Amino acid sequence: MTKTLLEHLLKLYPTAKRTTLRRMIQSGRVRINRTKARTLTQPIGEKDVIEINDQRRQHAPRLPSLPIRIVHEDDDILVIDKPAGLLTSTVPREKRPTVLAMVREYLAEKEPRAQVGLIHRLDRDASGLLVFSKNHDAYLSLKRQFFQHDVDRIYLAVVHGAANPLSGMIDSRLIERADGSVHSTDDPRRGERAVTFYETISKNKRLSLLRVKLRTGKKHQIRAHLFERGVPIVNDPVYFKDKKDGSERLMLASCELILTHPRTGKQMTFKIDPPKQFPLV
């Protein structure tokens, strides 16, 4: 009895998508009578010998160099948890490791036809959730969502002192200095508008834990806004160079990301636990 290669593969991988099976064929992992398979619709008979090189089981691809955890992955998007101290991206000749370079290397091995799209960034010293697109349509959708402020980005920040008021909104225009730091200006003709919402989760005599939600996403926005509000983030090497707190990293992490999936149109929420180094959690 003759059947198609697709029918055979679906029996072996009942939960696999057709795009995944098609990529197995395109990468040469499926052979019929020792010859590389051509298409999913290729007919096979009872006497045909089907061989599958299951690379995913033998060599599960991992993000290289640094321990980047994959939070979610599908055919359109990749969400990862970036560690503190790692650049998101930089100029082409930069020799330091970056998340973007690692993601490209990871997908080049796993999905050679994937088109990696950088959607947004995290400061090198911050940690947390980053989303990348894997094709052009997903890139356009995610970029549009970020531009229109339809994505919720929620951070946790450990700060010196207590915010006054304990919850509120910070709305200013931010401009960048020559040294790369940013600050607010009262000049309506300069800078770009930046809006930050915050609320105090817990506090003690020295520190507070804030939940911060971005309306906009400008460079150093949270760090500059909280510093100007009188509650600098703990161990911030740019805005508050106090090394007496004993911490080893900037106490800022992106812990929740809410967006619309570019293909299904469904709202997706990604959450990670606060870093272990964070007090007051």
Protein backbone atom coordinates (compact mmCIF):
# COMPACT_ATOMS: atom_id res chain seq x y z
CA MET A 1 0.00 0.00 0.00
CA THR A 2 1.42 3.38 -1.04
CA LYS A 3 1.26 6.41 1.28
CA THR A 4 2.99 9.75 1.52
CA LEU A 5 6.07 10.60 3.51
CA LEU A 6 3.95 13.08 5.49
CA GLU A 7 1.67 10.29 6.72
CA HIS A 8 4.68 8.26 7.80
CA LEU A 9 6.29 11.15 9.68
CA LEU A 10 3.05 12.10 11.44
CA LYS A 11 2.89 8.60 12.92
CA LEU A 12 6.39 9.09 14.33
CA TYR A 13 5.84 12.71 15.41
CA PRO A 14 2.09 13.11 16.00
CA THR A 15 2.43 16.56 17.61
CA ALA A 16 4.83 18.01 15.04
CA LYS A 17 3.80 20.85 12.76
CA ARG A 18 4.12 20.49 9.00
CA THR A 19 6.65 23.33 8.94
CA THR A 20 8.84 21.36 11.36
CA LEU A 21 8.61 18.20 9.26
CA ARG A 22 9.32 20.20 6.10
CA ARG A 23 12.47 21.62 7.72
CA MET A 24 13.60 18.08 8.59
CA ILE A 25 13.47 17.24 4.91
CA GLN A 26 15.10 20.49 3.79
CA SER A 27 18.01 19.92 6.18
CA GLY A 28 18.59 16.41 4.80
CA ARG A 29 17.60 14.56 7.96
CA VAL A 30 15.13 12.23 6.21
CA ARG A 31 16.28 9.56 3.72
CA ILE A 32 14.31 7.08 1.62
CA ASN A 33 16.36 4.07 0.58
CA ARG A 34 19.54 6.01 1.49
CA THR A 35 18.54 8.95 -0.74
CA LYS A 36 17.55 12.32 0.71
CA ALA A 37 13.81 12.85 0.74
CA ARG A 38 12.50 15.67 -1.47
CA THR A 39 8.99 16.62 -0.30
CA LEU A 40 6.33 15.71 2.24
CA THR A 41 4.05 14.49 -0.57
CA GLN A 42 6.65 12.04 -1.85
CA PRO A 43 5.06 8.56 -2.10
CA ILE A 44 6.56 5.65 -0.20
CA GLY A 45 5.81 1.95 -0.38
CA GLU A 46 5.87 -0.86 2.15
CA LYS A 47 9.35 -1.97 1.03
CA ASP A 48 10.89 1.51 1.21
CA VAL A 49 13.37 2.04 4.04
CA ILE A 50 12.91 5.38 5.86
CA GLU A 51 15.86 6.70 7.88
CA ILE A 52 15.64 9.76 10.13
CA ASN A 53 18.64 11.48 11.66
CA ASP A 54 17.03 12.81 14.85
CA GLN A 55 19.54 15.59 15.50
CA ARG A 56 17.32 17.28 18.08
CA ARG A 57 17.48 14.28 20.35
CA GLN A 58 21.17 13.58 19.79
CA HIS A 59 22.47 17.15 19.90
CA ALA A 60 19.91 19.45 21.45
CA PRO A 61 21.08 22.93 20.41
CA ARG A 62 21.82 25.29 23.23
CA LEU A 63 22.62 28.95 23.33
CA PRO A 64 26.43 29.12 23.36
CA SER A 65 28.96 30.79 25.61
CA LEU A 66 26.71 32.04 28.43
CA PRO A 67 23.75 30.49 30.26
CA ILE A 68 20.80 32.09 28.50
CA ARG A 69 17.54 30.36 29.35
CA ILE A 70 14.86 29.99 26.72
CA VAL A 71 11.50 30.95 28.22
CA HIS A 72 9.40 30.31 25.10
CA GLU A 73 9.96 29.36 21.48
CA ASP A 74 7.68 28.68 18.52
CA ASP A 75 7.81 29.19 14.75
CA ASP A 76 7.55 32.98 15.08
CA ILE A 77 9.11 34.21 18.31
CA LEU A 78 11.86 33.40 20.80
CA VAL A 79 11.70 34.72 24.38
CA ILE A 80 14.83 34.45 26.51
CA ASP A 81 16.01 35.41 29.99
CA LYS A 82 19.10 37.59 29.60
CA PRO A 83 21.64 37.48 32.45
CA ALA A 84 23.03 40.68 33.93
CA GLY A 85 26.32 41.86 32.44
CA LEU A 86 25.63 40.71 28.88
CA LEU A 87 25.12 43.15 26.00
CA THR A 88 21.89 42.81 24.02
CA SER A 89 23.56 43.98 20.81
CA THR A 90 26.17 46.42 19.63
CA VAL A 91 28.16 47.58 16.61
CA PRO A 92 29.30 44.97 14.04
CA ARG A 93 32.99 45.05 15.06
CA GLU A 94 32.24 44.60 18.78
CA LYS A 95 34.22 41.61 20.09
CA ARG A 96 32.35 41.20 23.36
CA PRO A 97 29.62 38.51 23.43
CA THR A 98 26.07 39.71 22.78
CA VAL A 99 22.65 38.11 23.12
CA LEU A 100 21.87 38.86 19.47
CA ALA A 101 24.97 37.02 18.26
CA MET A 102 24.16 34.02 20.45
CA VAL A 103 20.56 33.85 19.26
CA ARG A 104 21.71 34.03 15.64
CA GLU A 105 24.19 31.21 16.22
CA TYR A 106 21.56 29.12 17.99
CA LEU A 107 18.99 29.51 15.21
CA ALA A 108 21.58 29.07 12.45
CA GLU A 109 22.15 25.56 13.80
CA LYS A 110 18.52 24.80 14.58
CA GLU A 111 16.57 26.67 11.89
CA PRO A 112 18.91 27.91 9.14
CA ARG A 113 16.11 29.80 7.35
CA ALA A 114 15.04 31.76 10.42
CA GLN A 115 15.38 35.55 10.15
CA VAL A 116 16.40 36.82 13.58
CA GLY A 117 14.89 40.18 14.40
CA LEU A 118 16.01 42.38 17.31
CA ILE A 119 12.81 43.91 18.72
CA HIS A 120 13.96 45.72 21.88
CA ARG A 121 16.91 45.93 24.25
CA LEU A 122 17.86 45.63 27.90
CA ASP A 123 20.72 47.53 29.49
CA ARG A 124 23.86 45.42 29.78
CA ASP A 125 23.71 45.54 33.59
CA ALA A 126 20.00 44.64 33.76
CA SER A 127 18.58 41.14 33.35
CA GLY A 128 15.33 39.59 32.24
CA LEU A 129 12.95 39.00 29.36
CA LEU A 130 13.81 39.73 25.74
CA VAL A 131 11.77 38.74 22.68
CA PHE A 132 13.19 38.10 19.21
CA SER A 133 11.29 37.48 15.98
CA LYS A 134 12.09 34.54 13.72
CA ASN A 135 10.57 35.76 10.45
CA HIS A 136 9.75 39.04 8.70
CA ASP A 137 6.01 39.06 9.47
CA ALA A 138 6.65 38.48 13.17
CA TYR A 139 9.26 41.25 13.14
CA LEU A 140 6.84 43.78 11.67
CA SER A 141 4.09 42.82 14.12
CA LEU A 142 6.28 43.01 17.22
CA LYS A 143 7.96 46.24 16.14
CA ARG A 144 4.54 47.80 15.59
CA GLN A 145 3.36 46.68 19.04
CA PHE A 146 6.40 48.20 20.74
CA PHE A 147 6.13 51.42 18.73
CA GLN A 148 2.44 51.80 19.60
CA HIS A 149 3.11 50.97 23.29
CA ASP A 150 0.85 47.91 23.12
CA VAL A 151 3.38 45.73 24.96
CA ASP A 152 3.47 45.66 28.76
CA ARG A 153 7.01 45.55 30.17
CA ILE A 154 7.16 45.11 33.91
CA TYR A 155 10.35 45.30 35.95
CA LEU A 156 11.41 44.81 39.54
CA ALA A 157 13.90 47.28 40.99
CA VAL A 158 15.59 47.37 44.38
CA VAL A 159 16.28 51.01 45.28
CA HIS A 160 17.90 53.02 48.03
CA GLY A 161 15.40 54.69 50.37
CA ALA A 162 11.64 54.98 49.94
CA ALA A 163 9.80 56.57 47.04
CA ASN A 164 7.65 59.61 47.80
CA PRO A 165 4.86 59.00 47.03
CA LEU A 166 5.07 55.22 47.39
CA SER A 167 3.35 54.78 44.01
CA GLY A 168 3.08 57.12 41.07
CA MET A 169 3.98 58.14 37.54
CA ILE A 170 7.12 59.86 36.30
CA ASP A 171 6.68 61.81 33.07
CA SER A 172 9.57 63.80 31.60
CA ARG A 173 11.61 64.41 28.48
CA LEU A 174 14.95 62.60 28.49
CA ILE A 175 18.09 63.73 26.71
CA GLU A 176 21.44 61.98 26.46
CA ARG A 177 24.73 63.43 27.69
CA ALA A 178 28.07 63.00 25.98
CA ASP A 179 29.06 60.29 28.50
CA GLY A 180 26.04 58.12 27.55
CA SER A 181 23.93 58.88 30.63
CA VAL A 182 20.51 60.51 30.30
CA HIS A 183 18.63 63.11 32.30
CA SER A 184 15.33 64.98 32.24
CA THR A 185 14.93 68.41 30.74
CA ASP A 186 12.24 71.06 31.12
CA ASP A 187 12.80 72.24 27.56
CA PRO A 188 9.82 70.96 25.49
CA ARG A 189 11.89 71.27 22.31
CA ARG A 190 14.56 68.83 23.45
CA GLY A 191 14.70 65.13 24.21
CA GLU A 192 11.99 62.49 23.97
CA ARG A 193 9.03 61.90 26.24
CA ALA A 194 9.45 59.06 28.73
CA VAL A 195 6.70 57.75 31.04
CA THR A 196 7.32 55.36 33.94
CA PHE A 197 4.78 53.95 36.41
CA TYR A 198 5.96 52.51 39.73
CA GLU A 199 4.56 51.09 42.95
CA THR A 200 6.26 50.04 46.18
CA ILE A 201 5.96 46.31 46.88
CA SER A 202 7.94 46.17 50.15
CA LYS A 203 10.53 48.19 52.06
CA ASN A 204 12.72 48.34 55.13
CA LYS A 205 14.80 51.10 56.70
CA ARG A 206 17.33 51.17 53.85
CA LEU A 207 15.81 49.70 50.71
CA SER A 208 12.57 49.39 48.76
CA LEU A 209 11.36 46.91 46.17
CA LEU A 210 9.49 48.61 43.33
CA ARG A 211 7.32 47.20 40.57
CA VAL A 212 7.95 49.35 37.51
CA LYS A 213 5.88 49.45 34.32
CA LEU A 214 7.09 51.21 31.20
CA ARG A 215 4.83 53.27 29.00
CA THR A 216 7.76 54.17 26.77
CA GLY A 217 11.13 52.49 26.44
CA LYS A 218 13.95 55.01 26.26
CA LYS A 219 17.60 54.42 27.06
CA HIS A 220 18.21 54.17 30.84
CA GLN A 221 14.64 55.37 31.39
CA ILE A 222 13.96 53.52 34.64
CA ARG A 223 17.43 54.19 36.04
CA ALA A 224 17.32 57.93 35.31
CA HIS A 225 13.73 58.42 36.44
CA LEU A 226 14.17 56.63 39.76
CA PHE A 227 17.46 58.44 40.42
CA GLU A 228 15.77 61.79 39.82
CA ARG A 229 12.89 60.73 42.08
CA GLY A 230 15.43 60.24 44.88
CA VAL A 231 15.46 56.43 44.90
CA PRO A 232 18.46 55.30 42.80
CA ILE A 233 18.67 51.64 41.89
CA VAL A 234 21.06 49.64 44.04
CA ASN A 235 24.51 49.17 42.51
CA ASP A 236 23.90 51.43 39.53
CA PRO A 237 27.40 52.24 38.22
CA VAL A 238 26.17 55.22 36.19
CA TYR A 239 23.64 57.04 38.36
CA PHE A 240 24.62 56.10 41.91
CA LYS A 241 28.19 54.90 42.41
CA ASP A 242 27.84 53.67 45.98
CA LYS A 243 29.71 50.40 46.47
CA LYS A 244 28.80 50.06 50.13
CA ASP A 245 25.62 48.12 49.47
CA GLY A 246 27.54 44.86 48.95
CA SER A 247 25.61 43.79 45.84
CA GLU A 248 27.31 42.43 42.75
CA ARG A 249 24.89 43.56 40.07
CA LEU A 250 22.43 46.26 39.06
CA MET A 251 19.22 45.47 40.93
CA LEU A 252 16.93 45.83 37.92
CA ALA A 253 15.21 42.96 36.12
CA SER A 254 12.51 42.65 33.48
CA CYS A 255 10.27 39.98 35.00
CA GLU A 256 7.05 40.16 32.97
CA LEU A 257 6.29 40.71 29.29
CA ILE A 258 2.78 40.84 27.81
CA LEU A 259 2.33 40.96 24.04
CA THR A 260 0.10 39.81 21.20
CA HIS A 261 1.34 36.79 19.28
CA PRO A 262 2.09 37.92 15.72
CA ARG A 263 0.48 34.88 14.08
CA THR A 264 -2.42 33.85 16.35
CA GLY A 265 -3.41 37.31 17.62
CA LYS A 266 -3.71 35.92 21.14
CA GLN A 267 -2.33 37.77 24.15
CA MET A 268 0.67 36.02 25.69
CA THR A 269 2.14 36.64 29.14
CA PHE A 270 5.69 35.64 30.01
CA LYS A 271 6.89 35.72 33.61
CA ILE A 272 10.12 34.80 35.32
CA ASP A 273 11.06 34.68 38.99
CA PRO A 274 12.98 37.62 40.46
CA PRO A 275 16.75 37.12 40.55
CA LYS A 276 17.96 35.32 43.66
CA GLN A 277 20.17 38.27 44.59
CA PHE A 278 17.16 40.57 45.04
CA PRO A 279 16.35 41.33 48.69
CA LEU A 280 12.83 42.10 49.92
CA VAL A 281 11.25 39.65 47.46
